[in-house]
Amino acid sequence: MGQNLNQVFVGSYAPATEEAITLYRYNAEEGTLDRTGGISGIESASFLAVDADRGLLFAVSETKDGHVVSFRKQEDGTYTEVSRQSSHGDYTCHLSLDASGEWLLAVNYMSGNVLVYAVSTDGKLSPATDEVKHEGSSVRTDRQEAPHAHSVFPVPDTDLYLVNDLGTDTVVTYKLDRASGKLTKQAEMKAVPGAGPRHLAFHPTLPLVYVLNELDATVAVCTLDRTTGKLEQKQTISTLPDDFSGDNLCAEIQVSADGKFVYASNRGHDSIVTLSIAADGSLSTVGFTPSGGKVPRNFTLSPDGRFLLAANQESHLIAVLAIQHNGMPQQSGHTCHVTKPVCVRFGKA
């Protein structure tokens, strides 16, 4: 799909009175971004999902009394709001579009629940068709006093979804009934106590999931049974240098399309770690690259795998890193200013 994805959407913690989502034209040859517009009227659009073929954009509004919002592309290239639905909870922090384009799933961090919405062909969202509330806690009384669902990811080519719950140290597998929009729990994997699973990424060919743990700054390599949804942890590796002793929270993880490298962001060390993937899917550390600013939140890889676009939240900038032949990103010198950027997604201009 990749080569014609020439637009970049950036979600941010800007207020509704400003453009919380900004749009850029992406130059694939140079890895540069030229601002083309923005979307206001939504507060703290901290995570985005794109249906490039239908010209649809979906965003969370990460606020107390959260929402999910859909937008549709107009003939002039601008985006207008189509619909807005309650997330039935506080601080909606992540969402994913089903491969069919007919369902959208979202999670609330503070209230620890998972929501399902039907999506019409024009992008309109139904009221929630299902809601699942997590229960429990874990060992960190400051961050794990209650469930904190942090992300929801579709398992490619299945009806399964994986939900990371930072608060309960659990990765839960659900099955989506695409006829009714209902979720059924299939399995769960307990992380190391205090790990705090936040995001995850899939190996492109092996039945493996790489789970990024925010609190203890590790990546867990897990096998995935694509029939039962069961995960089993096989390896854990740090995202930090051995000599780093400061505070750090991990944020994002991505796997290169060729299945050779895993990348993860460190907030505190303010870096992108590059991990090499062996033939069996296990990981080893290649090195660390400064993220180009402070508090690298989300990042994404360009469709051709040549660049990494990092959202440095507290430096108010997107830094473009060029990926070298050894897999390591390095500064390209290209940046753009965005107020508190936290999510980067590709689409079609």
C-alpha atoms as a PDB file:
ATOM      1  CA  MET A   1       0.000   0.000   0.000  1.00  0.00           C
ATOM      2  CA  GLY A   2       2.819   2.211   1.053  1.00  0.00           C
ATOM      3  CA  GLN A   3       4.252   4.258  -1.755  1.00  0.00           C
ATOM      4  CA  ASN A   4       1.245   6.530  -2.293  1.00  0.00           C
ATOM      5  CA  LEU A   5       0.880   7.424   1.387  1.00  0.00           C
ATOM      6  CA  ASN A   6       2.041  11.008   1.011  1.00  0.00           C
ATOM      7  CA  GLN A   7       0.201  12.716   3.838  1.00  0.00           C
ATOM      8  CA  VAL A   8       1.064  12.826   7.534  1.00  0.00           C
ATOM      9  CA  PHE A   9      -1.391  13.510  10.362  1.00  0.00           C
ATOM     10  CA  VAL A  10      -0.097  14.640  13.758  1.00  0.00           C
ATOM     11  CA  GLY A  11      -2.271  14.419  16.869  1.00  0.00           C
ATOM     12  CA  SER A  12      -1.418  16.589  19.857  1.00  0.00           C
ATOM     13  CA  TYR A  13      -2.389  17.778  23.325  1.00  0.00           C
ATOM     14  CA  ALA A  14      -3.507  21.154  21.960  1.00  0.00           C
ATOM     15  CA  PRO A  15      -6.865  22.551  23.147  1.00  0.00           C
ATOM     16  CA  ALA A  16      -9.997  22.536  20.989  1.00  0.00           C
ATOM     17  CA  THR A  17      -9.542  26.232  20.191  1.00  0.00           C
ATOM     18  CA  GLU A  18      -6.309  25.393  18.364  1.00  0.00           C
ATOM     19  CA  GLU A  19      -5.560  22.873  15.633  1.00  0.00           C
ATOM     20  CA  ALA A  20      -5.094  19.727  17.708  1.00  0.00           C
ATOM     21  CA  ILE A  21      -4.532  17.747  14.497  1.00  0.00           C
ATOM     22  CA  THR A  22      -2.122  19.072  11.866  1.00  0.00           C
ATOM     23  CA  LEU A  23      -1.744  17.887   8.274  1.00  0.00           C
ATOM     24  CA  TYR A  24       1.471  17.677   6.273  1.00  0.00           C
ATOM     25  CA  ARG A  25       2.509  16.785   2.762  1.00  0.00           C
ATOM     26  CA  TYR A  26       5.250  14.164   2.978  1.00  0.00           C
ATOM     27  CA  ASN A  27       8.149  14.133   0.521  1.00  0.00           C
ATOM     28  CA  ALA A  28       9.239  10.503   0.402  1.00  0.00           C
ATOM     29  CA  GLU A  29      12.547  11.251  -1.327  1.00  0.00           C
ATOM     30  CA  GLU A  30      13.756  13.821   1.188  1.00  0.00           C
ATOM     31  CA  GLY A  31      11.791  12.750   4.250  1.00  0.00           C
ATOM     32  CA  THR A  32      10.487  16.301   4.674  1.00  0.00           C
ATOM     33  CA  LEU A  33       7.135  17.615   5.886  1.00  0.00           C
ATOM     34  CA  ASP A  34       5.281  20.670   4.560  1.00  0.00           C
ATOM     35  CA  ARG A  35       2.299  21.830   6.573  1.00  0.00           C
ATOM     36  CA  THR A  36      -0.951  21.926   4.573  1.00  0.00           C
ATOM     37  CA  GLY A  37      -3.613  22.546   7.214  1.00  0.00           C
ATOM     38  CA  GLY A  38      -5.119  21.509  10.500  1.00  0.00           C
ATOM     39  CA  ILE A  39      -8.253  20.465  12.356  1.00  0.00           C
ATOM     40  CA  SER A  40      -9.604  22.322  15.383  1.00  0.00           C
ATOM     41  CA  GLY A  41     -12.663  21.676  17.518  1.00  0.00           C
ATOM     42  CA  ILE A  42     -11.249  18.611  19.259  1.00  0.00           C
ATOM     43  CA  GLU A  43      -9.311  18.734  22.514  1.00  0.00           C
ATOM     44  CA  SER A  44      -6.216  16.583  23.098  1.00  0.00           C
ATOM     45  CA  ALA A  45      -6.400  14.478  19.931  1.00  0.00           C
ATOM     46  CA  SER A  46      -3.689  12.239  21.311  1.00  0.00           C
ATOM     47  CA  PHE A  47      -4.166   9.200  19.094  1.00  0.00           C
ATOM     48  CA  LEU A  48      -5.296   8.792  15.503  1.00  0.00           C
ATOM     49  CA  ALA A  49      -6.373   6.070  13.083  1.00  0.00           C
ATOM     50  CA  VAL A  50      -6.539   6.566   9.315  1.00  0.00           C
ATOM     51  CA  ASP A  51      -8.654   4.915   6.620  1.00  0.00           C
ATOM     52  CA  ALA A  52      -6.663   6.264   3.692  1.00  0.00           C
ATOM     53  CA  ASP A  53      -8.723   4.589   0.963  1.00  0.00           C
ATOM     54  CA  ARG A  54     -12.008   6.088   2.161  1.00  0.00           C
ATOM     55  CA  GLY A  55     -10.561   9.447   3.201  1.00  0.00           C
ATOM     56  CA  LEU A  56     -11.540   8.967   6.851  1.00  0.00           C
ATOM     57  CA  LEU A  57      -9.713  10.002   9.993  1.00  0.00           C
ATOM     58  CA  PHE A  58     -10.516   8.941  13.557  1.00  0.00           C
ATOM     59  CA  ALA A  59      -9.234  10.514  16.776  1.00  0.00           C
ATOM     60  CA  VAL A  60      -9.613  10.189  20.510  1.00  0.00           C
ATOM     61  CA  SER A  61     -10.260  13.204  22.682  1.00  0.00           C
ATOM     62  CA  GLU A  62      -8.145  12.360  25.716  1.00  0.00           C
ATOM     63  CA  THR A  63     -10.086  14.248  28.355  1.00  0.00           C
ATOM     64  CA  LYS A  64     -12.122  13.481  31.460  1.00  0.00           C
ATOM     65  CA  ASP A  65     -15.364  12.339  29.842  1.00  0.00           C
ATOM     66  CA  GLY A  66     -13.524  11.190  26.711  1.00  0.00           C
ATOM     67  CA  HIS A  67     -14.782  10.902  23.143  1.00  0.00           C
ATOM     68  CA  VAL A  68     -13.987   9.293  19.829  1.00  0.00           C
ATOM     69  CA  VAL A  69     -14.413  11.527  16.792  1.00  0.00           C
ATOM     70  CA  SER A  70     -14.519  10.827  13.057  1.00  0.00           C
ATOM     71  CA  PHE A  71     -13.623  13.154  10.178  1.00  0.00           C
ATOM     72  CA  ARG A  72     -14.113  12.914   6.425  1.00  0.00           C
ATOM     73  CA  LYS A  73     -11.938  14.373   3.698  1.00  0.00           C
ATOM     74  CA  GLN A  74     -13.556  17.020   1.501  1.00  0.00           C
ATOM     75  CA  GLU A  75     -12.877  17.772  -2.169  1.00  0.00           C
ATOM     76  CA  ASP A  76     -10.577  20.641  -1.225  1.00  0.00           C
ATOM     77  CA  GLY A  77      -8.437  18.349   0.939  1.00  0.00           C
ATOM     78  CA  THR A  78      -9.703  19.629   4.284  1.00  0.00           C
ATOM     79  CA  TYR A  79     -11.321  17.386   6.893  1.00  0.00           C
ATOM     80  CA  THR A  80     -14.680  17.994   8.538  1.00  0.00           C
ATOM     81  CA  GLU A  81     -16.114  16.294  11.584  1.00  0.00           C
ATOM     82  CA  VAL A  82     -18.670  13.576  10.807  1.00  0.00           C
ATOM     83  CA  SER A  83     -19.572  12.268  14.230  1.00  0.00           C
ATOM     84  CA  ARG A  84     -18.603  12.153  17.887  1.00  0.00           C
ATOM     85  CA  GLN A  85     -19.430   9.500  20.460  1.00  0.00           C
ATOM     86  CA  SER A  86     -18.804   9.190  24.179  1.00  0.00           C
ATOM     87  CA  SER A  87     -16.053   6.791  25.198  1.00  0.00           C
ATOM     88  CA  HIS A  88     -17.964   5.896  28.381  1.00  0.00           C
ATOM     89  CA  GLY A  89     -14.879   6.727  30.407  1.00  0.00           C
ATOM     90  CA  ASP A  90     -12.020   9.054  31.206  1.00  0.00           C
ATOM     91  CA  TYR A  91      -8.933   9.859  29.163  1.00  0.00           C
ATOM     92  CA  THR A  92      -9.412   7.889  25.960  1.00  0.00           C
ATOM     93  CA  CYS A  93      -5.829   7.187  24.910  1.00  0.00           C
ATOM     94  CA  HIS A  94      -5.789   4.758  21.968  1.00  0.00           C
ATOM     95  CA  LEU A  95      -7.945   3.444  19.133  1.00  0.00           C
ATOM     96  CA  SER A  96      -7.658   1.020  16.230  1.00  0.00           C
ATOM     97  CA  LEU A  97      -9.684   0.531  13.072  1.00  0.00           C
ATOM     98  CA  ASP A  98     -10.688  -2.999  12.150  1.00  0.00           C
ATOM     99  CA  ALA A  99      -9.268  -4.274   8.845  1.00  0.00           C
ATOM    100  CA  SER A 100     -12.801  -4.357   7.432  1.00  0.00           C
ATOM    101  CA  GLY A 101     -13.197  -0.637   8.143  1.00  0.00           C
ATOM    102  CA  GLU A 102     -16.553  -1.421   9.750  1.00  0.00           C
ATOM    103  CA  TRP A 103     -15.499  -1.342  13.423  1.00  0.00           C
ATOM    104  CA  LEU A 104     -13.485   0.999  15.616  1.00  0.00           C
ATOM    105  CA  LEU A 105     -12.141  -0.043  19.022  1.00  0.00           C
ATOM    106  CA  ALA A 106     -10.937   2.376  21.699  1.00  0.00           C
ATOM    107  CA  VAL A 107      -9.663   2.245  25.283  1.00  0.00           C
ATOM    108  CA  ASN A 108      -9.851   4.597  28.262  1.00  0.00           C
ATOM    109  CA  TYR A 109      -6.762   4.907  30.432  1.00  0.00           C
ATOM    110  CA  MET A 110      -8.267   6.121  33.691  1.00  0.00           C
ATOM    111  CA  SER A 111     -11.430   4.028  33.659  1.00  0.00           C
ATOM    112  CA  GLY A 112      -9.794   0.901  32.210  1.00  0.00           C
ATOM    113  CA  ASN A 113     -12.486  -0.032  29.712  1.00  0.00           C
ATOM    114  CA  VAL A 114     -12.617  -1.138  26.069  1.00  0.00           C
ATOM    115  CA  LEU A 115     -15.258   0.150  23.609  1.00  0.00           C
ATOM    116  CA  VAL A 116     -16.469  -0.992  20.181  1.00  0.00           C
ATOM    117  CA  TYR A 117     -18.175   1.265  17.607  1.00  0.00           C
ATOM    118  CA  ALA A 118     -19.686   0.499  14.227  1.00  0.00           C
ATOM    119  CA  VAL A 119     -18.405   2.682  11.364  1.00  0.00           C
ATOM    120  CA  SER A 120     -20.654   3.537   8.406  1.00  0.00           C
ATOM    121  CA  THR A 121     -19.271   3.958   4.898  1.00  0.00           C
ATOM    122  CA  ASP A 122     -19.222   7.741   5.296  1.00  0.00           C
ATOM    123  CA  GLY A 123     -17.337   7.507   8.594  1.00  0.00           C
ATOM    124  CA  LYS A 124     -20.216   8.034  10.989  1.00  0.00           C
ATOM    125  CA  LEU A 125     -19.753   6.272  14.328  1.00  0.00           C
ATOM    126  CA  SER A 126     -22.573   4.426  16.053  1.00  0.00           C
ATOM    127  CA  PRO A 127     -23.060   4.560  19.803  1.00  0.00           C
ATOM    128  CA  ALA A 128     -20.879   1.904  21.449  1.00  0.00           C
ATOM    129  CA  THR A 129     -21.966  -1.623  20.529  1.00  0.00           C
ATOM    130  CA  ASP A 130     -20.017  -3.116  23.442  1.00  0.00           C
ATOM    131  CA  GLU A 131     -18.084  -2.117  26.531  1.00  0.00           C
ATOM    132  CA  VAL A 132     -15.747  -4.296  28.578  1.00  0.00           C
ATOM    133  CA  LYS A 133     -14.456  -3.063  31.933  1.00  0.00           C
ATOM    134  CA  HIS A 134     -11.192  -4.391  33.309  1.00  0.00           C
ATOM    135  CA  GLU A 135     -10.709  -5.063  37.015  1.00  0.00           C
ATOM    136  CA  GLY A 136      -7.712  -5.405  39.311  1.00  0.00           C
ATOM    137  CA  SER A 137      -4.426  -3.699  40.161  1.00  0.00           C
ATOM    138  CA  SER A 138      -0.722  -4.459  40.495  1.00  0.00           C
ATOM    139  CA  VAL A 139       2.360  -3.657  42.550  1.00  0.00           C
ATOM    140  CA  ARG A 140       2.995   0.019  41.693  1.00  0.00           C
ATOM    141  CA  THR A 141       0.669   1.994  43.971  1.00  0.00           C
ATOM    142  CA  ASP A 142       1.392   5.215  42.052  1.00  0.00           C
ATOM    143  CA  ARG A 143       0.511   3.887  38.574  1.00  0.00           C
ATOM    144  CA  GLN A 144      -1.153   0.510  39.065  1.00  0.00           C
ATOM    145  CA  GLU A 145      -3.800   1.202  41.707  1.00  0.00           C
ATOM    146  CA  ALA A 146      -6.544   0.342  39.193  1.00  0.00           C
ATOM    147  CA  PRO A 147      -6.969  -0.913  35.617  1.00  0.00           C
ATOM    148  CA  HIS A 148      -5.415   1.356  32.980  1.00  0.00           C
ATOM    149  CA  ALA A 149      -6.173   0.046  29.498  1.00  0.00           C
ATOM    150  CA  HIS A 150      -3.535   1.698  27.327  1.00  0.00           C
ATOM    151  CA  SER A 151      -3.909   0.313  23.810  1.00  0.00           C
ATOM    152  CA  VAL A 152      -5.923  -1.984  21.558  1.00  0.00           C
ATOM    153  CA  PHE A 153      -4.416  -3.699  18.505  1.00  0.00           C
ATOM    154  CA  PRO A 154      -5.989  -5.969  15.880  1.00  0.00           C
ATOM    155  CA  VAL A 155      -4.128  -9.224  15.261  1.00  0.00           C
ATOM    156  CA  PRO A 156      -3.607  -9.201  11.469  1.00  0.00           C
ATOM    157  CA  ASP A 157      -5.845 -11.541   9.460  1.00  0.00           C
ATOM    158  CA  THR A 158      -7.875 -12.671  12.476  1.00  0.00           C
ATOM    159  CA  ASP A 159     -10.883 -11.558  14.536  1.00  0.00           C
ATOM    160  CA  LEU A 160      -8.639 -11.116  17.586  1.00  0.00           C
ATOM    161  CA  TYR A 161      -7.626  -7.954  19.419  1.00  0.00           C
ATOM    162  CA  LEU A 162      -4.914  -7.490  22.039  1.00  0.00           C
ATOM    163  CA  VAL A 163      -5.422  -4.951  24.834  1.00  0.00           C
ATOM    164  CA  ASN A 164      -2.489  -3.828  26.985  1.00  0.00           C
ATOM    165  CA  ASP A 165      -3.510  -2.925  30.539  1.00  0.00           C
ATOM    166  CA  LEU A 166      -0.721  -1.036  32.302  1.00  0.00           C
ATOM    167  CA  GLY A 167      -2.571  -0.969  35.608  1.00  0.00           C
ATOM    168  CA  THR A 168      -3.097  -4.714  35.947  1.00  0.00           C
ATOM    169  CA  ASP A 169       0.114  -5.864  34.196  1.00  0.00           C
ATOM    170  CA  THR A 170      -1.978  -7.855  31.736  1.00  0.00           C
ATOM    171  CA  VAL A 171      -2.308  -8.309  27.976  1.00  0.00           C
ATOM    172  CA  VAL A 172      -5.866  -9.455  27.264  1.00  0.00           C
ATOM    173  CA  THR A 173      -6.982 -11.159  24.046  1.00  0.00           C
ATOM    174  CA  TYR A 174     -10.521 -10.510  22.811  1.00  0.00           C
ATOM    175  CA  LYS A 175     -12.424 -11.874  19.835  1.00  0.00           C
ATOM    176  CA  LEU A 176     -14.585  -9.417  17.902  1.00  0.00           C
ATOM    177  CA  ASP A 177     -17.884 -10.671  16.513  1.00  0.00           C
ATOM    178  CA  ARG A 178     -18.090  -8.607  13.337  1.00  0.00           C
ATOM    179  CA  ALA A 179     -21.817  -9.267  13.008  1.00  0.00           C
ATOM    180  CA  SER A 180     -22.802  -7.904  16.426  1.00  0.00           C
ATOM    181  CA  GLY A 181     -19.838  -5.729  17.460  1.00  0.00           C
ATOM    182  CA  LYS A 182     -19.440  -7.692  20.696  1.00  0.00           C
ATOM    183  CA  LEU A 183     -16.189  -8.752  22.372  1.00  0.00           C
ATOM    184  CA  THR A 184     -15.474 -12.119  23.971  1.00  0.00           C
ATOM    185  CA  LYS A 185     -12.426 -12.644  26.161  1.00  0.00           C
ATOM    186  CA  GLN A 186     -10.173 -15.405  24.831  1.00  0.00           C
ATOM    187  CA  ALA A 187      -6.999 -15.342  26.926  1.00  0.00           C
ATOM    188  CA  GLU A 188      -4.745 -13.190  29.064  1.00  0.00           C
ATOM    189  CA  MET A 189      -1.035 -13.002  29.737  1.00  0.00           C
ATOM    190  CA  LYS A 190       0.392 -11.630  32.962  1.00  0.00           C
ATOM    191  CA  ALA A 191       3.436  -9.414  32.551  1.00  0.00           C
ATOM    192  CA  VAL A 192       6.238  -9.188  35.098  1.00  0.00           C
ATOM    193  CA  PRO A 193       4.793  -7.366  38.138  1.00  0.00           C
ATOM    194  CA  GLY A 194       5.434  -3.645  37.763  1.00  0.00           C
ATOM    195  CA  ALA A 195       6.280  -3.886  34.051  1.00  0.00           C
ATOM    196  CA  GLY A 196       3.273  -1.879  32.852  1.00  0.00           C
ATOM    197  CA  PRO A 197       2.473  -3.100  29.308  1.00  0.00           C
ATOM    198  CA  ARG A 198       1.656  -0.061  27.160  1.00  0.00           C
ATOM    199  CA  HIS A 199       1.888  -0.742  23.397  1.00  0.00           C
ATOM    200  CA  LEU A 200       2.823  -3.680  21.172  1.00  0.00           C
ATOM    201  CA  ALA A 201       3.837  -4.549  17.622  1.00  0.00           C
ATOM    202  CA  PHE A 202       3.625  -7.681  15.478  1.00  0.00           C
ATOM    203  CA  HIS A 203       6.389  -9.449  13.591  1.00  0.00           C
ATOM    204  CA  PRO A 204       5.456  -9.350   9.874  1.00  0.00           C
ATOM    205  CA  THR A 205       5.923 -13.097   9.255  1.00  0.00           C
ATOM    206  CA  LEU A 206       6.540 -14.936  12.548  1.00  0.00           C
ATOM    207  CA  PRO A 207       3.772 -15.603  15.139  1.00  0.00           C
ATOM    208  CA  LEU A 208       5.396 -13.141  17.540  1.00  0.00           C
ATOM    209  CA  VAL A 209       4.288 -10.043  19.431  1.00  0.00           C
ATOM    210  CA  TYR A 210       6.680  -7.479  20.894  1.00  0.00           C
ATOM    211  CA  VAL A 211       5.132  -5.935  24.020  1.00  0.00           C
ATOM    212  CA  LEU A 212       6.553  -2.623  25.223  1.00  0.00           C
ATOM    213  CA  ASN A 213       6.479  -2.212  28.996  1.00  0.00           C
ATOM    214  CA  GLU A 214       6.322   1.453  29.993  1.00  0.00           C
ATOM    215  CA  LEU A 215       7.238   1.256  33.667  1.00  0.00           C
ATOM    216  CA  ASP A 216      10.254  -1.069  33.724  1.00  0.00           C
ATOM    217  CA  ALA A 217      11.540  -0.039  30.241  1.00  0.00           C
ATOM    218  CA  THR A 218      11.593  -3.469  28.649  1.00  0.00           C
ATOM    219  CA  VAL A 219      10.388  -5.241  25.519  1.00  0.00           C
ATOM    220  CA  ALA A 220       8.847  -8.687  26.017  1.00  0.00           C
ATOM    221  CA  VAL A 221       9.072 -11.118  23.096  1.00  0.00           C
ATOM    222  CA  CYS A 222       5.911 -13.231  23.110  1.00  0.00           C
ATOM    223  CA  THR A 223       4.680 -16.097  20.972  1.00  0.00           C
ATOM    224  CA  LEU A 224       1.088 -15.813  19.775  1.00  0.00           C
ATOM    225  CA  ASP A 225      -1.295 -18.656  19.075  1.00  0.00           C
ATOM    226  CA  ARG A 226      -3.402 -17.067  16.364  1.00  0.00           C
ATOM    227  CA  THR A 227      -6.232 -19.561  16.957  1.00  0.00           C
ATOM    228  CA  THR A 228      -6.665 -19.266  20.731  1.00  0.00           C
ATOM    229  CA  GLY A 229      -5.134 -15.810  21.183  1.00  0.00           C
ATOM    230  CA  LYS A 230      -2.806 -17.120  23.884  1.00  0.00           C
ATOM    231  CA  LEU A 231       0.449 -15.219  24.436  1.00  0.00           C
ATOM    232  CA  GLU A 232       3.551 -16.705  26.045  1.00  0.00           C
ATOM    233  CA  GLN A 233       6.562 -14.616  27.023  1.00  0.00           C
ATOM    234  CA  LYS A 234       9.906 -15.935  25.743  1.00  0.00           C
ATOM    235  CA  GLN A 235      12.401 -13.114  26.279  1.00  0.00           C
ATOM    236  CA  THR A 236      12.683  -9.706  27.936  1.00  0.00           C
ATOM    237  CA  ILE A 237      15.226  -7.055  26.949  1.00  0.00           C
ATOM    238  CA  SER A 238      15.875  -3.557  28.280  1.00  0.00           C
ATOM    239  CA  THR A 239      15.248  -0.475  26.150  1.00  0.00           C
ATOM    240  CA  LEU A 240      17.979   1.448  28.019  1.00  0.00           C
ATOM    241  CA  PRO A 241      21.790   1.504  28.115  1.00  0.00           C
ATOM    242  CA  ASP A 242      23.339  -0.396  31.026  1.00  0.00           C
ATOM    243  CA  ASP A 243      24.830   2.781  32.452  1.00  0.00           C
ATOM    244  CA  PHE A 244      21.581   4.820  32.506  1.00  0.00           C
ATOM    245  CA  SER A 245      20.179   5.362  36.000  1.00  0.00           C
ATOM    246  CA  GLY A 246      17.669   8.195  35.536  1.00  0.00           C
ATOM    247  CA  ASP A 247      13.875   8.117  35.371  1.00  0.00           C
ATOM    248  CA  ASN A 248      12.434   6.735  32.160  1.00  0.00           C
ATOM    249  CA  LEU A 249       9.059   5.749  30.715  1.00  0.00           C
ATOM    250  CA  CYS A 250       8.681   3.924  27.403  1.00  0.00           C
ATOM    251  CA  ALA A 251       6.013   5.011  24.933  1.00  0.00           C
ATOM    252  CA  GLU A 252       5.980   3.496  21.428  1.00  0.00           C
ATOM    253  CA  ILE A 253       7.215   0.380  19.632  1.00  0.00           C
ATOM    254  CA  GLN A 254       7.396  -0.423  15.912  1.00  0.00           C
ATOM    255  CA  VAL A 255       8.765  -3.304  13.822  1.00  0.00           C
ATOM    256  CA  SER A 256      10.409  -2.691  10.455  1.00  0.00           C
ATOM    257  CA  ALA A 257       8.478  -4.061   7.478  1.00  0.00           C
ATOM    258  CA  ASP A 258      11.305  -6.463   6.636  1.00  0.00           C
ATOM    259  CA  GLY A 259      11.166  -7.970  10.125  1.00  0.00           C
ATOM    260  CA  LYS A 260      14.790  -7.154  10.901  1.00  0.00           C
ATOM    261  CA  PHE A 261      14.501  -4.453  13.571  1.00  0.00           C
ATOM    262  CA  VAL A 262      12.383  -3.334  16.513  1.00  0.00           C
ATOM    263  CA  TYR A 263      12.341   0.346  17.538  1.00  0.00           C
ATOM    264  CA  ALA A 264      11.096   1.742  20.858  1.00  0.00           C
ATOM    265  CA  SER A 265      11.011   5.222  22.396  1.00  0.00           C
ATOM    266  CA  ASN A 266      12.416   6.207  25.796  1.00  0.00           C
ATOM    267  CA  ARG A 267      11.000   9.240  27.598  1.00  0.00           C
ATOM    268  CA  GLY A 268      13.681  10.326  30.048  1.00  0.00           C
ATOM    269  CA  HIS A 269      16.642   8.937  28.178  1.00  0.00           C
ATOM    270  CA  ASP A 270      14.950  10.713  25.232  1.00  0.00           C
ATOM    271  CA  SER A 271      16.064   8.175  22.676  1.00  0.00           C
ATOM    272  CA  ILE A 272      15.005   5.607  20.137  1.00  0.00           C
ATOM    273  CA  VAL A 273      16.481   2.190  20.846  1.00  0.00           C
ATOM    274  CA  THR A 274      17.209  -0.088  17.887  1.00  0.00           C
ATOM    275  CA  LEU A 275      16.926  -3.831  18.528  1.00  0.00           C
ATOM    276  CA  SER A 276      17.977  -6.465  15.998  1.00  0.00           C
ATOM    277  CA  ILE A 277      15.612  -9.385  15.335  1.00  0.00           C
ATOM    278  CA  ALA A 278      17.242 -12.817  15.003  1.00  0.00           C
ATOM    279  CA  ALA A 279      15.869 -15.590  12.782  1.00  0.00           C
ATOM    280  CA  ASP A 280      13.859 -16.972  15.722  1.00  0.00           C
ATOM    281  CA  GLY A 281      12.466 -13.531  16.573  1.00  0.00           C
ATOM    282  CA  SER A 282      14.634 -12.923  19.638  1.00  0.00           C
ATOM    283  CA  LEU A 283      16.122  -9.472  20.196  1.00  0.00           C
ATOM    284  CA  SER A 284      19.574  -7.974  20.783  1.00  0.00           C
ATOM    285  CA  THR A 285      20.525  -4.333  21.250  1.00  0.00           C
ATOM    286  CA  VAL A 286      22.058  -2.484  18.306  1.00  0.00           C
ATOM    287  CA  GLY A 287      22.234   1.019  19.797  1.00  0.00           C
ATOM    288  CA  PHE A 288      20.523   4.242  20.839  1.00  0.00           C
ATOM    289  CA  THR A 289      19.708   7.394  18.876  1.00  0.00           C
ATOM    290  CA  PRO A 290      18.703  10.751  20.409  1.00  0.00           C
ATOM    291  CA  SER A 291      15.067  11.345  19.498  1.00  0.00           C
ATOM    292  CA  GLY A 292      15.742  14.931  18.438  1.00  0.00           C
ATOM    293  CA  GLY A 293      13.937  16.458  21.414  1.00  0.00           C
ATOM    294  CA  LYS A 294      12.443  15.822  24.823  1.00  0.00           C
ATOM    295  CA  VAL A 295       9.871  13.147  25.706  1.00  0.00           C
ATOM    296  CA  PRO A 296       9.534  11.159  22.457  1.00  0.00           C
ATOM    297  CA  ARG A 297       5.987   9.879  22.616  1.00  0.00           C
ATOM    298  CA  ASN A 298       4.652   8.129  19.553  1.00  0.00           C
ATOM    299  CA  PHE A 299       6.680   7.659  16.379  1.00  0.00           C
ATOM    300  CA  THR A 300       6.092   5.966  13.054  1.00  0.00           C
ATOM    301  CA  LEU A 301       8.140   4.497  10.223  1.00  0.00           C
ATOM    302  CA  SER A 302       7.687   5.824   6.691  1.00  0.00           C
ATOM    303  CA  PRO A 303       5.984   3.424   4.249  1.00  0.00           C
ATOM    304  CA  ASP A 304       9.279   2.716   2.459  1.00  0.00           C
ATOM    305  CA  GLY A 305      11.133   2.200   5.743  1.00  0.00           C
ATOM    306  CA  ARG A 306      13.695   4.931   5.071  1.00  0.00           C
ATOM    307  CA  PHE A 307      12.652   7.398   7.764  1.00  0.00           C
ATOM    308  CA  LEU A 308      11.374   7.475  11.336  1.00  0.00           C
ATOM    309  CA  LEU A 309       9.154  10.389  12.385  1.00  0.00           C
ATOM    310  CA  ALA A 310       9.327  11.030  16.136  1.00  0.00           C
ATOM    311  CA  ALA A 311       6.830  13.159  18.088  1.00  0.00           C
ATOM    312  CA  ASN A 312       8.869  14.916  20.791  1.00  0.00           C
ATOM    313  CA  GLN A 313       6.090  16.108  23.082  1.00  0.00           C
ATOM    314  CA  GLU A 314       7.905  18.540  25.367  1.00  0.00           C
ATOM    315  CA  SER A 315      10.094  20.023  22.624  1.00  0.00           C
ATOM    316  CA  HIS A 316       7.010  20.729  20.477  1.00  0.00           C
ATOM    317  CA  LEU A 317       8.534  19.195  17.371  1.00  0.00           C
ATOM    318  CA  ILE A 318       8.489  16.301  14.966  1.00  0.00           C
ATOM    319  CA  ALA A 319      12.015  15.092  14.218  1.00  0.00           C
ATOM    320  CA  VAL A 320      12.691  13.114  11.047  1.00  0.00           C
ATOM    321  CA  LEU A 321      15.372  10.461  11.497  1.00  0.00           C
ATOM    322  CA  ALA A 322      16.969   8.720   8.500  1.00  0.00           C
ATOM    323  CA  ILE A 323      17.386   4.965   8.926  1.00  0.00           C
ATOM    324  CA  GLN A 324      20.837   3.705   7.975  1.00  0.00           C
ATOM    325  CA  HIS A 325      21.833   0.392   6.366  1.00  0.00           C
ATOM    326  CA  ASN A 326      22.585  -1.069   9.811  1.00  0.00           C
ATOM    327  CA  GLY A 327      19.033  -0.253  10.945  1.00  0.00           C
ATOM    328  CA  MET A 328      20.065   2.647  13.184  1.00  0.00           C
ATOM    329  CA  PRO A 329      18.212   5.957  12.768  1.00  0.00           C
ATOM    330  CA  GLN A 330      20.202   9.182  12.710  1.00  0.00           C
ATOM    331  CA  GLN A 331      19.214  12.834  12.643  1.00  0.00           C
ATOM    332  CA  SER A 332      18.304  14.053   9.159  1.00  0.00           C
ATOM    333  CA  GLY A 333      18.144  17.702  10.204  1.00  0.00           C
ATOM    334  CA  HIS A 334      14.484  17.936   9.208  1.00  0.00           C
ATOM    335  CA  THR A 335      12.057  19.010  11.938  1.00  0.00           C
ATOM    336  CA  CYS A 336       8.726  20.805  12.194  1.00  0.00           C
ATOM    337  CA  HIS A 337       7.070  22.617  15.073  1.00  0.00           C
ATOM    338  CA  VAL A 338       3.856  21.217  16.576  1.00  0.00           C
ATOM    339  CA  THR A 339       2.398  22.061  19.984  1.00  0.00           C
ATOM    340  CA  LYS A 340       2.834  18.975  22.194  1.00  0.00           C
ATOM    341  CA  PRO A 341       2.751  16.341  19.416  1.00  0.00           C
ATOM    342  CA  VAL A 342       1.916  12.816  20.579  1.00  0.00           C
ATOM    343  CA  CYS A 343       0.852  10.763  17.524  1.00  0.00           C
ATOM    344  CA  VAL A 344       2.073  10.505  13.910  1.00  0.00           C
ATOM    345  CA  ARG A 345       0.138   8.665  11.168  1.00  0.00           C
ATOM    346  CA  PHE A 346       0.447   8.323   7.384  1.00  0.00           C
ATOM    347  CA  GLY A 347      -2.414   8.751   4.905  1.00  0.00           C
ATOM    348  CA  LYS A 348      -3.173   9.929   1.359  1.00  0.00           C
ATOM    349  CA  ALA A 349      -3.171  13.597   0.376  1.00  0.00           C
END
